Amino acid sequence: MTNALALISPQLQLKISKRARRMALRLDSRNHIVNLVVPARFSMKKAETFAYEHRLWIREKLAALPAPIPFEESAIIPILGRNRKLAITFHSSHKRTLITLNDDNMSVTTNQEYPQSRIIRFLKNEAQETLTNLVHEKAALIEKPVKSVTLRDTKSRWGSCSPEGRISLSWRLIFAPWEAMDYVVAHEVAHLVHMNHSKDFWHLCAQLSDDYPSGKKWMRQQGHTLMKYGVVTMASTTDYPD
């Protein structure tokens, strides 16, 4: 990175791309940086000028990112529509990490000084079970088969559905309110019938959702906050189309 770019923001990173045809600024909220994408053999002077002209946008976007919430003692983590207080007990004699959920707490008993990876694995398993069941329940309502349900930690999409009936969802939906998580599942299941965003698609999506207006609104306005939980804190997100 040039000195001129560092002066604009230490979180501004230069990225030379052979595939890029024009300059672009891309927010990478997972790593809390902005990438200045510049085509190969492009004038660095022009790139610096471009970044300078957009310096307020860069600073505003970085400032607006939600503060990360790590998985540590007493953290409040929303899980399956309910806030849970994280209680971590360290026992060196324990052979493995035990995690349980109750109405208000997630209790972790572990021999690991940093059990974040164990907590993430537990949450992914919880998300897999809940989201898979929800997908099949909604698919049964429209009598459509589901080939598979896969959970990922994607940067740009909360879910996808292939023409073959393979549905992929972000495991981080476990941190969303129930109506928001339910809406995303309804969205992907509706694609089993309509592989587009036509009026018929949105009508079916609304029918399959428990609370379509609230769920869609929350994902559009607050969906990015799902990325702040855990060791890997944030990733940029893309809203579903209007």
C-alpha atoms as a PDB file:
ATOM      1  CA  MET A   1       0.000   0.000   0.000  1.00  0.00           C
ATOM      2  CA  THR A   2       1.284   3.447  -0.875  1.00  0.00           C
ATOM      3  CA  ASN A   3       1.838   6.156   1.749  1.00  0.00           C
ATOM      4  CA  ALA A   4      -0.958   8.201   0.170  1.00  0.00           C
ATOM      5  CA  LEU A   5      -3.463   5.394   0.711  1.00  0.00           C
ATOM      6  CA  ALA A   6      -2.267   4.835   4.286  1.00  0.00           C
ATOM      7  CA  LEU A   7      -2.947   8.480   5.042  1.00  0.00           C
ATOM      8  CA  ILE A   8      -6.553   8.094   3.867  1.00  0.00           C
ATOM      9  CA  SER A   9      -7.034   5.100   6.182  1.00  0.00           C
ATOM     10  CA  PRO A  10      -4.713   2.432   7.610  1.00  0.00           C
ATOM     11  CA  GLN A  11      -7.561   0.013   6.896  1.00  0.00           C
ATOM     12  CA  LEU A  12      -7.491   0.761   3.167  1.00  0.00           C
ATOM     13  CA  GLN A  13      -5.780  -2.069   1.268  1.00  0.00           C
ATOM     14  CA  LEU A  14      -4.569  -2.029  -2.324  1.00  0.00           C
ATOM     15  CA  LYS A  15      -5.570  -5.054  -4.402  1.00  0.00           C
ATOM     16  CA  ILE A  16      -4.203  -5.378  -7.939  1.00  0.00           C
ATOM     17  CA  SER A  17      -6.489  -7.519 -10.115  1.00  0.00           C
ATOM     18  CA  LYS A  18      -5.809  -8.880 -13.581  1.00  0.00           C
ATOM     19  CA  ARG A  19      -9.547  -9.491 -14.033  1.00  0.00           C
ATOM     20  CA  ALA A  20     -10.772  -6.062 -12.952  1.00  0.00           C
ATOM     21  CA  ARG A  21     -11.755  -3.652 -15.717  1.00  0.00           C
ATOM     22  CA  ARG A  22     -12.257  -0.622 -13.510  1.00  0.00           C
ATOM     23  CA  MET A  23     -11.418   0.627 -10.052  1.00  0.00           C
ATOM     24  CA  ALA A  24     -13.722  -0.252  -7.185  1.00  0.00           C
ATOM     25  CA  LEU A  25     -13.914   0.049  -3.405  1.00  0.00           C
ATOM     26  CA  ARG A  26     -15.117  -3.107  -1.646  1.00  0.00           C
ATOM     27  CA  LEU A  27     -15.905  -3.333   2.036  1.00  0.00           C
ATOM     28  CA  ASP A  28     -14.538  -6.476   3.692  1.00  0.00           C
ATOM     29  CA  SER A  29     -16.153  -6.285   7.093  1.00  0.00           C
ATOM     30  CA  ARG A  30     -14.901  -9.743   8.047  1.00  0.00           C
ATOM     31  CA  ASN A  31     -11.390  -8.288   8.258  1.00  0.00           C
ATOM     32  CA  HIS A  32     -12.503  -4.703   8.956  1.00  0.00           C
ATOM     33  CA  ILE A  33     -10.837  -3.271   5.865  1.00  0.00           C
ATOM     34  CA  VAL A  34     -11.736  -1.670   2.545  1.00  0.00           C
ATOM     35  CA  ASN A  35     -10.100  -3.081  -0.570  1.00  0.00           C
ATOM     36  CA  LEU A  36      -9.191  -0.668  -3.351  1.00  0.00           C
ATOM     37  CA  VAL A  37      -9.376  -2.937  -6.399  1.00  0.00           C
ATOM     38  CA  VAL A  38      -7.221  -1.646  -9.248  1.00  0.00           C
ATOM     39  CA  PRO A  39      -6.770  -3.210 -12.712  1.00  0.00           C
ATOM     40  CA  ALA A  40      -3.268  -4.426 -13.518  1.00  0.00           C
ATOM     41  CA  ARG A  41      -0.952  -1.817 -15.071  1.00  0.00           C
ATOM     42  CA  PHE A  42      -3.328   0.976 -14.016  1.00  0.00           C
ATOM     43  CA  SER A  43      -1.991   4.377 -12.999  1.00  0.00           C
ATOM     44  CA  MET A  44      -1.336   4.409  -9.259  1.00  0.00           C
ATOM     45  CA  LYS A  45      -1.690   8.177  -9.247  1.00  0.00           C
ATOM     46  CA  LYS A  46      -5.245   7.854 -10.560  1.00  0.00           C
ATOM     47  CA  ALA A  47      -5.944   5.109  -8.023  1.00  0.00           C
ATOM     48  CA  GLU A  48      -4.780   7.320  -5.163  1.00  0.00           C
ATOM     49  CA  THR A  49      -6.919  10.192  -6.449  1.00  0.00           C
ATOM     50  CA  PHE A  50      -9.945   7.891  -6.703  1.00  0.00           C
ATOM     51  CA  ALA A  51      -9.484   6.726  -3.111  1.00  0.00           C
ATOM     52  CA  TYR A  52      -9.000  10.282  -1.869  1.00  0.00           C
ATOM     53  CA  GLU A  53     -12.204  11.441  -3.559  1.00  0.00           C
ATOM     54  CA  HIS A  54     -14.072   8.635  -1.763  1.00  0.00           C
ATOM     55  CA  ARG A  55     -12.324   9.029   1.596  1.00  0.00           C
ATOM     56  CA  LEU A  56     -15.520   9.977   3.447  1.00  0.00           C
ATOM     57  CA  TRP A  57     -17.315   6.882   2.128  1.00  0.00           C
ATOM     58  CA  ILE A  58     -14.390   4.713   3.268  1.00  0.00           C
ATOM     59  CA  ARG A  59     -14.348   6.164   6.763  1.00  0.00           C
ATOM     60  CA  GLU A  60     -18.138   6.084   7.146  1.00  0.00           C
ATOM     61  CA  LYS A  61     -18.383   2.440   6.085  1.00  0.00           C
ATOM     62  CA  LEU A  62     -15.636   1.369   8.480  1.00  0.00           C
ATOM     63  CA  ALA A  63     -17.114   3.398  11.339  1.00  0.00           C
ATOM     64  CA  ALA A  64     -20.554   1.857  10.790  1.00  0.00           C
ATOM     65  CA  LEU A  65     -19.361  -1.734  11.229  1.00  0.00           C
ATOM     66  CA  PRO A  66     -20.788  -3.330  14.384  1.00  0.00           C
ATOM     67  CA  ALA A  67     -18.342  -4.016  17.204  1.00  0.00           C
ATOM     68  CA  PRO A  68     -17.369  -7.689  17.416  1.00  0.00           C
ATOM     69  CA  ILE A  69     -18.765  -9.829  20.225  1.00  0.00           C
ATOM     70  CA  PRO A  70     -16.356 -12.697  20.964  1.00  0.00           C
ATOM     71  CA  PHE A  71     -17.390 -15.941  22.601  1.00  0.00           C
ATOM     72  CA  GLU A  72     -16.150 -15.179  26.088  1.00  0.00           C
ATOM     73  CA  GLU A  73     -17.418 -15.272  29.657  1.00  0.00           C
ATOM     74  CA  SER A  74     -20.677 -13.324  30.234  1.00  0.00           C
ATOM     75  CA  ALA A  75     -21.143 -12.405  26.565  1.00  0.00           C
ATOM     76  CA  ILE A  76     -24.804 -12.160  25.545  1.00  0.00           C
ATOM     77  CA  ILE A  77     -25.369 -14.194  22.396  1.00  0.00           C
ATOM     78  CA  PRO A  78     -28.750 -14.461  20.634  1.00  0.00           C
ATOM     79  CA  ILE A  79     -29.302 -18.123  19.795  1.00  0.00           C
ATOM     80  CA  LEU A  80     -32.428 -19.396  18.030  1.00  0.00           C
ATOM     81  CA  GLY A  81     -34.381 -16.259  18.814  1.00  0.00           C
ATOM     82  CA  ARG A  82     -33.447 -15.976  22.483  1.00  0.00           C
ATOM     83  CA  ASN A  83     -30.628 -14.118  24.244  1.00  0.00           C
ATOM     84  CA  ARG A  84     -28.312 -16.456  26.154  1.00  0.00           C
ATOM     85  CA  LYS A  85     -25.563 -15.516  28.569  1.00  0.00           C
ATOM     86  CA  LEU A  86     -22.351 -17.404  27.954  1.00  0.00           C
ATOM     87  CA  ALA A  87     -21.035 -19.119  31.113  1.00  0.00           C
ATOM     88  CA  ILE A  88     -17.614 -20.739  30.722  1.00  0.00           C
ATOM     89  CA  THR A  89     -16.166 -23.008  33.418  1.00  0.00           C
ATOM     90  CA  PHE A  90     -12.580 -24.197  33.075  1.00  0.00           C
ATOM     91  CA  HIS A  91     -11.622 -27.637  34.440  1.00  0.00           C
ATOM     92  CA  SER A  92      -8.201 -28.956  33.444  1.00  0.00           C
ATOM     93  CA  SER A  93      -9.300 -32.488  34.372  1.00  0.00           C
ATOM     94  CA  HIS A  94     -12.123 -32.584  31.813  1.00  0.00           C
ATOM     95  CA  LYS A  95     -11.348 -34.727  28.796  1.00  0.00           C
ATOM     96  CA  ARG A  96     -13.695 -32.859  26.468  1.00  0.00           C
ATOM     97  CA  THR A  97     -15.792 -29.730  26.227  1.00  0.00           C
ATOM     98  CA  LEU A  98     -19.433 -30.010  27.295  1.00  0.00           C
ATOM     99  CA  ILE A  99     -21.923 -27.397  26.110  1.00  0.00           C
ATOM    100  CA  THR A 100     -25.587 -27.115  27.040  1.00  0.00           C
ATOM    101  CA  LEU A 101     -28.340 -24.637  26.222  1.00  0.00           C
ATOM    102  CA  ASN A 102     -31.138 -23.620  28.526  1.00  0.00           C
ATOM    103  CA  ASP A 103     -33.647 -20.797  28.348  1.00  0.00           C
ATOM    104  CA  ASP A 104     -31.239 -18.068  29.413  1.00  0.00           C
ATOM    105  CA  ASN A 105     -27.710 -19.469  29.280  1.00  0.00           C
ATOM    106  CA  MET A 106     -25.218 -21.378  27.194  1.00  0.00           C
ATOM    107  CA  SER A 107     -23.026 -23.278  29.648  1.00  0.00           C
ATOM    108  CA  VAL A 108     -19.558 -24.393  28.587  1.00  0.00           C
ATOM    109  CA  THR A 109     -17.423 -26.698  30.715  1.00  0.00           C
ATOM    110  CA  THR A 110     -14.027 -27.176  29.141  1.00  0.00           C
ATOM    111  CA  ASN A 111     -10.332 -27.925  29.533  1.00  0.00           C
ATOM    112  CA  GLN A 112      -9.540 -25.464  26.734  1.00  0.00           C
ATOM    113  CA  GLU A 113      -8.196 -22.027  27.613  1.00  0.00           C
ATOM    114  CA  TYR A 114      -9.785 -20.687  24.413  1.00  0.00           C
ATOM    115  CA  PRO A 115     -12.872 -22.825  23.649  1.00  0.00           C
ATOM    116  CA  GLN A 116     -14.178 -20.634  20.803  1.00  0.00           C
ATOM    117  CA  SER A 117     -13.703 -23.339  18.185  1.00  0.00           C
ATOM    118  CA  ARG A 118     -15.691 -25.811  20.326  1.00  0.00           C
ATOM    119  CA  ILE A 119     -18.474 -23.252  20.768  1.00  0.00           C
ATOM    120  CA  ILE A 120     -18.620 -22.585  17.026  1.00  0.00           C
ATOM    121  CA  ARG A 121     -18.785 -26.312  16.295  1.00  0.00           C
ATOM    122  CA  PHE A 122     -21.639 -26.706  18.783  1.00  0.00           C
ATOM    123  CA  LEU A 123     -23.562 -23.784  17.280  1.00  0.00           C
ATOM    124  CA  LYS A 124     -23.056 -25.094  13.748  1.00  0.00           C
ATOM    125  CA  ASN A 125     -24.514 -28.440  14.797  1.00  0.00           C
ATOM    126  CA  GLU A 126     -27.490 -26.704  16.409  1.00  0.00           C
ATOM    127  CA  ALA A 127     -27.997 -24.619  13.281  1.00  0.00           C
ATOM    128  CA  GLN A 128     -27.724 -27.672  11.029  1.00  0.00           C
ATOM    129  CA  GLU A 129     -30.448 -29.525  12.902  1.00  0.00           C
ATOM    130  CA  THR A 130     -32.819 -26.569  13.227  1.00  0.00           C
ATOM    131  CA  LEU A 131     -32.422 -25.238   9.681  1.00  0.00           C
ATOM    132  CA  THR A 132     -32.588 -28.688   8.069  1.00  0.00           C
ATOM    133  CA  ASN A 133     -35.835 -29.492   9.868  1.00  0.00           C
ATOM    134  CA  LEU A 134     -37.274 -26.108   8.907  1.00  0.00           C
ATOM    135  CA  VAL A 135     -36.332 -26.576   5.246  1.00  0.00           C
ATOM    136  CA  HIS A 136     -38.009 -29.975   5.068  1.00  0.00           C
ATOM    137  CA  GLU A 137     -41.124 -28.726   6.864  1.00  0.00           C
ATOM    138  CA  LYS A 138     -41.595 -25.913   4.379  1.00  0.00           C
ATOM    139  CA  ALA A 139     -40.707 -28.068   1.375  1.00  0.00           C
ATOM    140  CA  ALA A 140     -43.364 -30.573   2.447  1.00  0.00           C
ATOM    141  CA  LEU A 141     -45.981 -27.805   2.324  1.00  0.00           C
ATOM    142  CA  ILE A 142     -45.360 -27.363  -1.403  1.00  0.00           C
ATOM    143  CA  GLU A 143     -44.630 -31.066  -2.012  1.00  0.00           C
ATOM    144  CA  LYS A 144     -41.133 -30.461  -3.347  1.00  0.00           C
ATOM    145  CA  PRO A 145     -38.139 -32.721  -2.641  1.00  0.00           C
ATOM    146  CA  VAL A 146     -34.930 -31.355  -1.132  1.00  0.00           C
ATOM    147  CA  LYS A 147     -31.714 -32.950  -2.328  1.00  0.00           C
ATOM    148  CA  SER A 148     -29.544 -31.649   0.522  1.00  0.00           C
ATOM    149  CA  VAL A 149     -29.195 -28.896   3.111  1.00  0.00           C
ATOM    150  CA  THR A 150     -25.659 -27.558   3.557  1.00  0.00           C
ATOM    151  CA  LEU A 151     -24.482 -24.914   6.001  1.00  0.00           C
ATOM    152  CA  ARG A 152     -21.673 -22.514   5.121  1.00  0.00           C
ATOM    153  CA  ASP A 153     -20.071 -19.315   6.406  1.00  0.00           C
ATOM    154  CA  THR A 154     -20.542 -17.246   3.272  1.00  0.00           C
ATOM    155  CA  LYS A 155     -19.468 -13.641   2.691  1.00  0.00           C
ATOM    156  CA  SER A 156     -22.204 -12.409   0.401  1.00  0.00           C
ATOM    157  CA  ARG A 157     -25.352 -14.541   0.587  1.00  0.00           C
ATOM    158  CA  TRP A 158     -27.486 -15.880   3.407  1.00  0.00           C
ATOM    159  CA  GLY A 159     -28.704 -18.768   1.290  1.00  0.00           C
ATOM    160  CA  SER A 160     -28.985 -20.317  -2.146  1.00  0.00           C
ATOM    161  CA  CYS A 161     -30.987 -23.014  -3.919  1.00  0.00           C
ATOM    162  CA  SER A 162     -29.846 -24.978  -6.960  1.00  0.00           C
ATOM    163  CA  PRO A 163     -32.187 -26.251  -9.688  1.00  0.00           C
ATOM    164  CA  GLU A 164     -31.480 -29.771  -8.377  1.00  0.00           C
ATOM    165  CA  GLY A 165     -32.918 -28.899  -4.967  1.00  0.00           C
ATOM    166  CA  ARG A 166     -29.678 -28.401  -3.057  1.00  0.00           C
ATOM    167  CA  ILE A 167     -30.176 -25.688  -0.460  1.00  0.00           C
ATOM    168  CA  SER A 168     -27.265 -23.880   1.181  1.00  0.00           C
ATOM    169  CA  LEU A 169     -27.665 -21.603   4.211  1.00  0.00           C
ATOM    170  CA  SER A 170     -25.398 -19.561   6.452  1.00  0.00           C
ATOM    171  CA  TRP A 171     -24.961 -21.170   9.854  1.00  0.00           C
ATOM    172  CA  ARG A 172     -24.921 -17.653  11.307  1.00  0.00           C
ATOM    173  CA  LEU A 173     -28.677 -17.484  10.865  1.00  0.00           C
ATOM    174  CA  ILE A 174     -28.753 -19.123  14.301  1.00  0.00           C
ATOM    175  CA  PHE A 175     -28.107 -15.618  15.704  1.00  0.00           C
ATOM    176  CA  ALA A 176     -31.115 -14.073  13.940  1.00  0.00           C
ATOM    177  CA  PRO A 177     -34.592 -13.587  15.401  1.00  0.00           C
ATOM    178  CA  TRP A 178     -36.824 -16.526  14.576  1.00  0.00           C
ATOM    179  CA  GLU A 179     -38.954 -14.633  12.045  1.00  0.00           C
ATOM    180  CA  ALA A 180     -35.796 -13.556  10.176  1.00  0.00           C
ATOM    181  CA  MET A 181     -34.294 -17.044  10.070  1.00  0.00           C
ATOM    182  CA  ASP A 182     -37.679 -18.429   9.053  1.00  0.00           C
ATOM    183  CA  TYR A 183     -37.921 -15.879   6.236  1.00  0.00           C
ATOM    184  CA  VAL A 184     -34.535 -16.840   4.786  1.00  0.00           C
ATOM    185  CA  VAL A 185     -35.497 -20.514   4.795  1.00  0.00           C
ATOM    186  CA  ALA A 186     -38.854 -19.693   3.169  1.00  0.00           C
ATOM    187  CA  HIS A 187     -36.996 -17.649   0.555  1.00  0.00           C
ATOM    188  CA  GLU A 188     -34.796 -20.574  -0.469  1.00  0.00           C
ATOM    189  CA  VAL A 189     -37.588 -23.150  -0.334  1.00  0.00           C
ATOM    190  CA  ALA A 190     -39.711 -20.923  -2.579  1.00  0.00           C
ATOM    191  CA  HIS A 191     -36.915 -21.210  -5.154  1.00  0.00           C
ATOM    192  CA  LEU A 192     -37.756 -24.914  -5.439  1.00  0.00           C
ATOM    193  CA  VAL A 193     -40.798 -23.707  -7.400  1.00  0.00           C
ATOM    194  CA  HIS A 194     -39.620 -20.391  -8.860  1.00  0.00           C
ATOM    195  CA  MET A 195     -35.939 -19.990  -9.781  1.00  0.00           C
ATOM    196  CA  ASN A 196     -36.381 -16.225 -10.038  1.00  0.00           C
ATOM    197  CA  HIS A 197     -37.677 -13.250  -8.077  1.00  0.00           C
ATOM    198  CA  SER A 198     -40.979 -12.849  -9.860  1.00  0.00           C
ATOM    199  CA  LYS A 199     -44.236 -11.764  -8.224  1.00  0.00           C
ATOM    200  CA  ASP A 200     -45.242 -15.423  -7.962  1.00  0.00           C
ATOM    201  CA  PHE A 201     -41.996 -16.163  -6.139  1.00  0.00           C
ATOM    202  CA  TRP A 202     -42.520 -13.411  -3.569  1.00  0.00           C
ATOM    203  CA  HIS A 203     -46.134 -14.461  -3.073  1.00  0.00           C
ATOM    204  CA  LEU A 204     -45.037 -18.021  -2.307  1.00  0.00           C
ATOM    205  CA  CYS A 205     -42.219 -16.778  -0.075  1.00  0.00           C
ATOM    206  CA  ALA A 206     -44.738 -14.780   1.947  1.00  0.00           C
ATOM    207  CA  GLN A 207     -47.032 -17.811   2.216  1.00  0.00           C
ATOM    208  CA  LEU A 208     -44.190 -19.976   3.515  1.00  0.00           C
ATOM    209  CA  SER A 209     -42.978 -17.399   6.057  1.00  0.00           C
ATOM    210  CA  ASP A 210     -44.275 -17.173   9.610  1.00  0.00           C
ATOM    211  CA  ASP A 211     -43.869 -13.382   9.586  1.00  0.00           C
ATOM    212  CA  TYR A 212     -42.789 -12.307   6.102  1.00  0.00           C
ATOM    213  CA  PRO A 213     -42.780  -8.484   6.581  1.00  0.00           C
ATOM    214  CA  SER A 214     -40.846  -8.558   9.861  1.00  0.00           C
ATOM    215  CA  GLY A 215     -38.423 -11.261   8.770  1.00  0.00           C
ATOM    216  CA  LYS A 216     -37.558  -9.629   5.459  1.00  0.00           C
ATOM    217  CA  LYS A 217     -37.209  -6.171   7.019  1.00  0.00           C
ATOM    218  CA  TRP A 218     -34.900  -7.445   9.772  1.00  0.00           C
ATOM    219  CA  MET A 219     -32.597  -9.231   7.325  1.00  0.00           C
ATOM    220  CA  ARG A 220     -32.394  -6.165   5.087  1.00  0.00           C
ATOM    221  CA  GLN A 221     -31.675  -3.751   7.942  1.00  0.00           C
ATOM    222  CA  GLN A 222     -29.888  -5.885  10.536  1.00  0.00           C
ATOM    223  CA  GLY A 223     -28.591  -8.939   8.704  1.00  0.00           C
ATOM    224  CA  HIS A 224     -25.016  -7.645   8.691  1.00  0.00           C
ATOM    225  CA  THR A 225     -24.959  -7.807  12.503  1.00  0.00           C
ATOM    226  CA  LEU A 226     -25.019 -11.608  12.395  1.00  0.00           C
ATOM    227  CA  MET A 227     -21.368 -11.568  11.390  1.00  0.00           C
ATOM    228  CA  LYS A 228     -20.091  -9.951  14.590  1.00  0.00           C
ATOM    229  CA  TYR A 229     -20.294 -13.022  16.813  1.00  0.00           C
ATOM    230  CA  GLY A 230     -17.301 -15.204  17.521  1.00  0.00           C
ATOM    231  CA  VAL A 231     -13.612 -15.272  16.732  1.00  0.00           C
ATOM    232  CA  VAL A 232     -14.101 -14.582  13.031  1.00  0.00           C
ATOM    233  CA  THR A 233     -16.192 -11.536  13.599  1.00  0.00           C
ATOM    234  CA  MET A 234     -17.739 -10.074  10.469  1.00  0.00           C
ATOM    235  CA  ALA A 235     -18.304 -10.446   6.751  1.00  0.00           C
ATOM    236  CA  SER A 236     -19.911  -8.199   4.213  1.00  0.00           C
ATOM    237  CA  THR A 237     -23.437  -9.186   3.250  1.00  0.00           C
ATOM    238  CA  THR A 238     -25.790  -8.703   0.369  1.00  0.00           C
ATOM    239  CA  ASP A 239     -29.510  -8.115   0.882  1.00  0.00           C
ATOM    240  CA  TYR A 240     -32.076 -10.165  -0.929  1.00  0.00           C
ATOM    241  CA  PRO A 241     -33.592  -8.323  -3.907  1.00  0.00           C
ATOM    242  CA  ASP A 242     -36.622  -6.086  -3.351  1.00  0.00           C
END
